[in-house]
């Protein structure tokens, strides 16, 4: 019982013996014939241990779950960063091609103007 918070201990103490037997039976730790002979104190201990165990399992599950979620968030952030980096590289390539095209057009126009100027 000491593993549980005081309010839970009180709540268990207030339950009638038959209710404690039902709760102890659900744990699966005690045989039915043994349940019939157990006193109230023993029933309280079985139920309290089960509650503490389940609470511990839930805490481990939650912390494990949050670790999994955090890992997924980190992987997602890494993927976003990779995509952003690729996007920046592609934009730089496109900008370089645009500049090359402008330079080629500029050379072509300059050459055409020179020819036209000579023709006059």
Protein backbone atom coordinates (compact mmCIF):
# COMPACT_ATOMS: atom_id res chain seq x y z
CA UNK A 1 0.00 0.00 0.00
CA UNK A 2 2.90 2.35 0.67
CA UNK A 3 3.67 2.56 -3.07
CA UNK A 4 0.43 4.47 -3.64
CA UNK A 5 -0.33 8.11 -2.92
CA UNK A 6 -2.25 8.76 0.30
CA UNK A 7 -5.48 9.64 -1.50
CA UNK A 8 -5.45 6.35 -3.41
CA UNK A 9 -4.71 4.44 -0.22
CA UNK A 10 -7.72 6.08 1.43
CA UNK A 11 -9.93 5.31 -1.56
CA UNK A 12 -8.95 1.63 -1.38
CA UNK A 13 -9.54 1.48 2.38
CA UNK A 14 -13.07 2.81 1.85
CA UNK A 15 -13.98 0.01 -0.57
CA UNK A 16 -15.91 -2.89 0.89
CA UNK A 17 -14.25 -6.29 1.12
CA UNK A 18 -16.28 -7.82 -1.72
CA UNK A 19 -15.27 -5.01 -4.05
CA UNK A 20 -11.62 -5.59 -3.08
CA UNK A 21 -12.07 -9.32 -3.85
CA UNK A 22 -13.38 -8.47 -7.31
CA UNK A 23 -10.50 -6.08 -7.92
CA UNK A 24 -7.98 -8.67 -6.69
CA UNK A 25 -9.56 -11.31 -8.93
CA UNK A 26 -9.08 -9.06 -11.97
CA UNK A 27 -5.36 -8.90 -11.31
CA UNK A 28 -5.04 -12.58 -12.16
CA UNK A 29 -2.37 -12.97 -9.49
CA UNK A 30 -4.55 -14.88 -7.04
CA UNK A 31 -6.55 -18.11 -7.47
CA UNK A 32 -10.30 -17.94 -6.82
CA UNK A 33 -10.21 -20.34 -3.87
CA UNK A 34 -7.39 -18.32 -2.31
CA UNK A 35 -9.41 -15.10 -2.74
CA UNK A 36 -12.19 -16.55 -0.59
CA UNK A 37 -9.84 -17.10 2.34
CA UNK A 38 -7.86 -13.85 2.13
CA UNK A 39 -8.44 -11.25 4.81
CA UNK A 40 -9.06 -7.58 4.04
CA UNK A 41 -5.42 -6.55 4.61
CA UNK A 42 -4.13 -9.15 2.15
CA UNK A 43 -6.73 -8.08 -0.43
CA UNK A 44 -5.67 -4.44 0.00
CA UNK A 45 -2.04 -5.41 -0.61
CA UNK A 46 -2.84 -7.40 -3.77
CA UNK A 47 -4.92 -4.59 -5.21
CA UNK A 48 -2.41 -1.89 -4.21
CA UNK A 49 0.48 -3.82 -5.79
CA UNK A 50 -1.52 -4.22 -8.99
CA UNK A 51 -2.39 -0.52 -9.13
CA UNK A 52 1.23 0.47 -8.48
CA UNK A 53 2.43 -1.98 -11.14
CA UNK A 54 -0.03 -0.69 -13.74
CA UNK A 55 0.84 2.89 -12.89
CA UNK A 56 4.53 2.09 -13.33
CA UNK A 57 3.84 0.36 -16.64
CA UNK A 58 1.82 3.34 -17.83
CA UNK A 59 4.65 5.70 -16.89
CA UNK A 60 7.16 3.59 -18.76
CA UNK A 61 4.82 3.39 -21.74
CA UNK A 62 4.28 7.15 -21.72
CA UNK A 63 7.97 7.92 -21.42
CA UNK A 64 8.75 5.39 -24.14
CA UNK A 65 6.04 6.89 -26.28
CA UNK A 66 7.35 10.38 -25.80
CA UNK A 67 10.83 9.15 -26.71
CA UNK A 68 9.39 7.66 -29.90
CA UNK A 69 7.52 10.85 -30.67
CA UNK A 70 10.65 12.92 -30.05
CA UNK A 71 12.67 10.63 -32.32
CA UNK A 72 10.05 11.00 -35.06
CA UNK A 73 10.03 14.77 -34.61
CA UNK A 74 13.81 14.87 -34.95
CA UNK A 75 13.71 12.70 -38.07
CA UNK A 76 11.01 14.92 -39.53
CA UNK A 77 13.04 18.05 -38.78
CA UNK A 78 16.10 16.48 -40.38
CA UNK A 79 14.07 15.61 -43.47
CA UNK A 80 12.75 19.19 -43.64
CA UNK A 81 16.29 20.52 -43.43
CA UNK A 82 17.44 18.18 -46.21
CA UNK A 83 14.54 19.24 -48.42
CA UNK A 84 15.20 22.90 -47.71
CA UNK A 85 18.87 22.41 -48.60
CA UNK A 86 17.92 20.71 -51.88
CA UNK A 87 15.45 23.49 -52.60
CA UNK A 88 18.15 26.12 -52.07
CA UNK A 89 20.56 24.20 -54.33
CA UNK A 90 17.93 23.96 -57.09
CA UNK A 91 17.13 27.67 -56.78
CA UNK A 92 20.85 28.48 -57.05
CA UNK A 93 21.16 26.27 -60.14
CA UNK A 94 18.14 27.94 -61.73
CA UNK A 95 19.52 31.39 -60.92
CA UNK A 96 22.88 30.47 -62.49
CA UNK A 97 21.11 29.19 -65.62
CA UNK A 98 19.03 32.37 -65.77
CA UNK A 99 22.18 34.48 -65.56
CA UNK A 100 23.88 32.37 -68.26
CA UNK A 101 20.86 32.80 -70.53
CA UNK A 102 20.84 36.54 -69.94
CA UNK A 103 24.54 36.69 -70.72
CA UNK A 104 24.06 34.67 -73.90
CA UNK A 105 21.18 36.90 -74.95
CA UNK A 106 23.26 39.96 -74.14
CA UNK A 107 26.12 38.67 -76.27
CA UNK A 108 23.76 37.88 -79.11
CA UNK A 109 22.17 41.32 -78.97
CA UNK A 110 25.55 43.03 -78.73
CA UNK A 111 26.77 41.08 -81.71
CA UNK A 112 23.60 41.88 -83.67
CA UNK A 113 23.84 45.55 -82.83
CA UNK A 114 27.43 45.63 -83.95
CA UNK A 115 26.45 44.08 -87.26
CA UNK A 116 23.57 46.49 -87.75
CA UNK A 117 25.77 49.44 -86.83
CA UNK A 118 28.33 48.38 -89.41
CA UNK A 119 25.70 47.97 -92.05
CA UNK A 120 24.57 51.56 -91.89
